[in-house]
Protein backbone atom coordinates (compact mmCIF):
# COMPACT_ATOMS: atom_id res chain seq x y z
CA MET A 1 -108.01 33.60 -57.52
CA THR A 2 -106.75 33.32 -60.88
CA ASP A 3 -103.96 35.45 -59.88
CA LEU A 4 -103.26 33.20 -57.06
CA VAL A 5 -102.82 30.34 -59.34
CA ARG A 6 -101.02 32.31 -61.73
CA GLN A 7 -98.44 33.33 -59.17
CA ILE A 8 -98.22 30.06 -57.77
CA GLY A 9 -97.68 28.72 -61.27
CA GLU A 10 -94.78 31.38 -62.17
CA LEU A 11 -93.07 30.73 -58.63
CA PHE A 12 -92.78 26.98 -59.84
CA LEU A 13 -91.78 27.81 -63.04
CA ARG A 14 -89.32 30.05 -61.22
CA ALA A 15 -88.23 26.77 -58.84
CA VAL A 16 -87.82 24.21 -61.70
CA PRO A 17 -84.46 25.61 -62.51
CA VAL A 18 -83.41 25.77 -59.20
CA ALA A 19 -84.63 22.35 -58.55
CA LEU A 20 -82.87 21.29 -61.70
CA ILE A 21 -79.65 22.78 -60.48
CA VAL A 22 -80.03 20.75 -57.02
CA LEU A 23 -80.66 17.59 -58.94
CA ILE A 24 -77.77 18.34 -61.11
CA PHE A 25 -75.57 19.01 -58.44
CA TYR A 26 -76.80 15.94 -56.21
CA PHE A 27 -76.20 13.67 -59.05
CA ILE A 28 -72.74 15.46 -59.59
CA LEU A 29 -71.65 15.08 -55.89
CA ARG A 30 -73.02 11.91 -55.66
CA SER A 31 -70.77 10.30 -58.27
CA VAL A 32 -67.77 12.35 -57.63
CA PHE A 33 -67.61 12.91 -53.62
CA PHE A 34 -70.24 10.58 -51.85
CA GLN A 35 -69.76 7.06 -53.82
CA PRO A 36 -65.83 7.26 -53.49
CA LEU A 37 -66.11 8.54 -50.09
CA LEU A 38 -68.71 5.69 -49.27
CA LYS A 39 -66.09 3.25 -50.77
CA VAL A 40 -63.23 4.26 -48.77
CA MET A 41 -65.39 3.77 -45.69
CA ALA A 42 -66.37 0.53 -46.69
CA GLU A 43 -63.08 -0.23 -47.20
CA ARG A 44 -61.83 0.66 -43.95
CA ASP A 45 -64.68 -0.97 -42.18
CA ALA A 46 -63.36 -4.12 -43.75
CA ARG A 47 -59.73 -3.46 -43.16
CA THR A 48 -60.68 -2.83 -39.29
CA LEU A 49 -62.95 -5.74 -39.17
CA GLY A 50 -60.00 -7.74 -41.07
CA ALA A 51 -57.24 -6.38 -38.36
CA GLN A 52 -59.83 -7.33 -35.45
CA LYS A 53 -60.41 -10.74 -36.67
CA ALA A 54 -56.04 -10.87 -37.19
CA ALA A 55 -55.94 -9.65 -33.52
CA GLU A 56 -58.34 -12.04 -32.24
CA ALA A 57 -56.67 -14.52 -34.08
CA ALA A 58 -52.94 -13.64 -32.70
CA GLN A 59 -54.63 -13.51 -29.14
CA ALA A 60 -55.81 -16.86 -29.63
CA ALA A 61 -52.60 -18.11 -31.04
CA ALA A 62 -50.80 -16.37 -27.95
CA ALA A 63 -53.02 -18.08 -25.48
CA GLU A 64 -52.37 -21.11 -27.00
CA LYS A 65 -48.61 -20.64 -26.76
CA VAL A 66 -48.91 -19.38 -23.18
CA LYS A 67 -50.82 -22.92 -22.48
CA GLN A 68 -48.21 -24.92 -24.00
CA TYR A 69 -45.41 -22.66 -22.41
CA GLU A 70 -46.87 -23.48 -19.04
CA GLU A 71 -47.43 -27.23 -19.92
CA ALA A 72 -44.02 -27.59 -20.82
CA LEU A 73 -42.87 -25.92 -17.72
CA LYS A 74 -45.09 -28.04 -15.75
CA GLN A 75 -43.85 -31.17 -17.32
CA ALA A 76 -40.17 -29.55 -16.64
CA ARG A 77 -41.07 -29.48 -13.01
CA ALA A 78 -42.25 -32.59 -12.77
CA LYS A 79 -39.07 -33.83 -14.39
CA VAL A 80 -36.82 -32.37 -12.18
CA TYR A 81 -38.30 -33.11 -9.16
CA ALA A 82 -38.51 -36.56 -10.17
CA GLU A 83 -34.83 -36.40 -10.64
CA GLN A 84 -33.97 -34.76 -7.30
CA GLU A 85 -36.28 -37.57 -5.63
CA ALA A 86 -34.14 -40.44 -7.70
CA ASP A 87 -30.77 -38.52 -6.65
CA ARG A 88 -32.42 -38.41 -2.99
CA LYS A 89 -33.20 -41.89 -3.04
CA LYS A 90 -29.54 -42.51 -4.14
CA LEU A 91 -27.86 -40.88 -1.58
CA LEU A 92 -30.09 -42.26 0.97
CA GLU A 93 -29.26 -45.97 -0.25
CA GLU A 94 -25.74 -45.18 -0.87
CA ARG A 95 -25.84 -43.67 2.96
CA ALA A 96 -27.46 -46.64 4.36
CA GLY A 97 -24.69 -48.79 2.53
CA PHE A 98 -21.75 -47.08 4.09
CA LEU A 99 -23.87 -47.08 7.46
CA LYS A 100 -24.00 -50.91 7.14
CA GLU A 101 -20.27 -51.29 6.00
CA ALA A 102 -19.10 -49.09 9.04
CA ARG A 103 -21.29 -51.03 11.23
CA THR A 104 -19.98 -54.32 10.16
CA LYS A 105 -16.70 -52.79 10.60
CA ALA A 106 -17.01 -51.38 13.75
CA THR A 107 -18.51 -54.86 14.93
CA GLY A 108 -15.51 -56.77 13.69
CA GLU A 109 -12.82 -54.40 15.33
CA VAL A 110 -15.12 -54.58 18.35
CA ASN A 111 -14.92 -58.49 18.20
CA VAL A 112 -11.38 -58.27 17.83
CA ALA A 113 -10.66 -56.18 20.74
CA LYS A 114 -12.92 -58.59 22.74
CA GLU A 115 -10.83 -61.34 21.49
CA SER A 116 -7.43 -59.56 22.25
CA VAL A 117 -8.84 -58.68 25.86
CA ALA A 118 -9.92 -61.91 26.43
CA GLY A 119 -6.47 -63.53 25.86
CA GLU A 120 -4.85 -61.08 27.65
CA LEU A 121 -7.03 -62.12 30.74
CA ALA A 122 -6.13 -65.66 29.96
CA ALA A 123 -2.34 -64.88 29.65
CA ALA A 124 -2.61 -62.51 32.96
CA LYS A 125 -4.73 -65.76 34.79
CA LYS A 126 -1.96 -68.28 33.63
CA GLU A 127 1.08 -65.73 34.93
CA ILE A 128 -0.51 -65.29 38.14
CA GLU A 129 -1.53 -69.38 38.84
CA ALA A 130 2.13 -69.92 38.06
CA SER A 131 3.62 -67.24 40.26
CA VAL A 132 0.56 -68.11 42.93
CA ALA A 133 2.93 -70.59 44.81
CA GLN A 134 6.08 -68.24 44.76
CA LEU A 135 4.21 -65.33 46.32
CA ALA A 136 2.45 -67.39 48.55
CA VAL A 137 6.15 -68.55 50.01
CA GLU A 138 7.28 -64.84 49.50
CA ILE A 139 4.16 -63.29 51.54
CA ALA A 140 4.55 -66.27 54.19
CA ARG A 141 8.28 -65.58 54.71
CA ARG A 142 7.63 -61.56 55.20
CA VAL A 143 4.50 -61.86 57.31
CA LEU A 144 5.39 -64.95 59.75
CA PRO A 145 8.23 -64.48 61.93
CA ALA A 146 11.27 -66.81 61.22
CA PRO A 147 11.27 -70.03 63.45
CA PRO A 148 13.15 -70.21 66.15
CA ALA A 149 16.51 -71.93 65.80
CA PRO A 150 17.25 -75.06 67.52
CA GLY A 151 18.98 -74.23 71.05
CA SER A 152 17.86 -70.83 71.37
CA PRO A 153 15.44 -69.40 73.58
CA ALA A 154 11.98 -69.08 72.33
CA ARG A 155 10.24 -65.74 71.99
CA GLU A 156 7.66 -64.87 74.19
CA ALA A 157 4.05 -64.66 72.66
CA ARG A 158 2.86 -61.02 73.36
């Protein structure tokens, strides 16, 4: 057994330089390779998170701008519709005014024409009344035979 303990001891003695070399290699790699690499990775993560936050802020700002744009568009549409409605009402009022004016003018013209016709009718009646006696005499003269002359034989009646 002593031989076994001695062999294990020699093995450990030979392993100590290898262990020291591995430890030295570990510290060198840690200081030269891993720390800068971890620092770069941490910086990259920070930049990535910053970029993500900036992107989220930009998206939020864009969403707000879209909302403002849509609100402005909605207000503009409402304004245009209100202007169109006002123009339509104005045109309807103008049209109603023109129609009322045309009706008034037409009514006046009809009244003038009625008065003119009534005047012509009255004039025609007066003319006819004035010529009634003369027309009656003319009709009687043409329809009735001439009276027999005195001393001439009377015509026989048929």
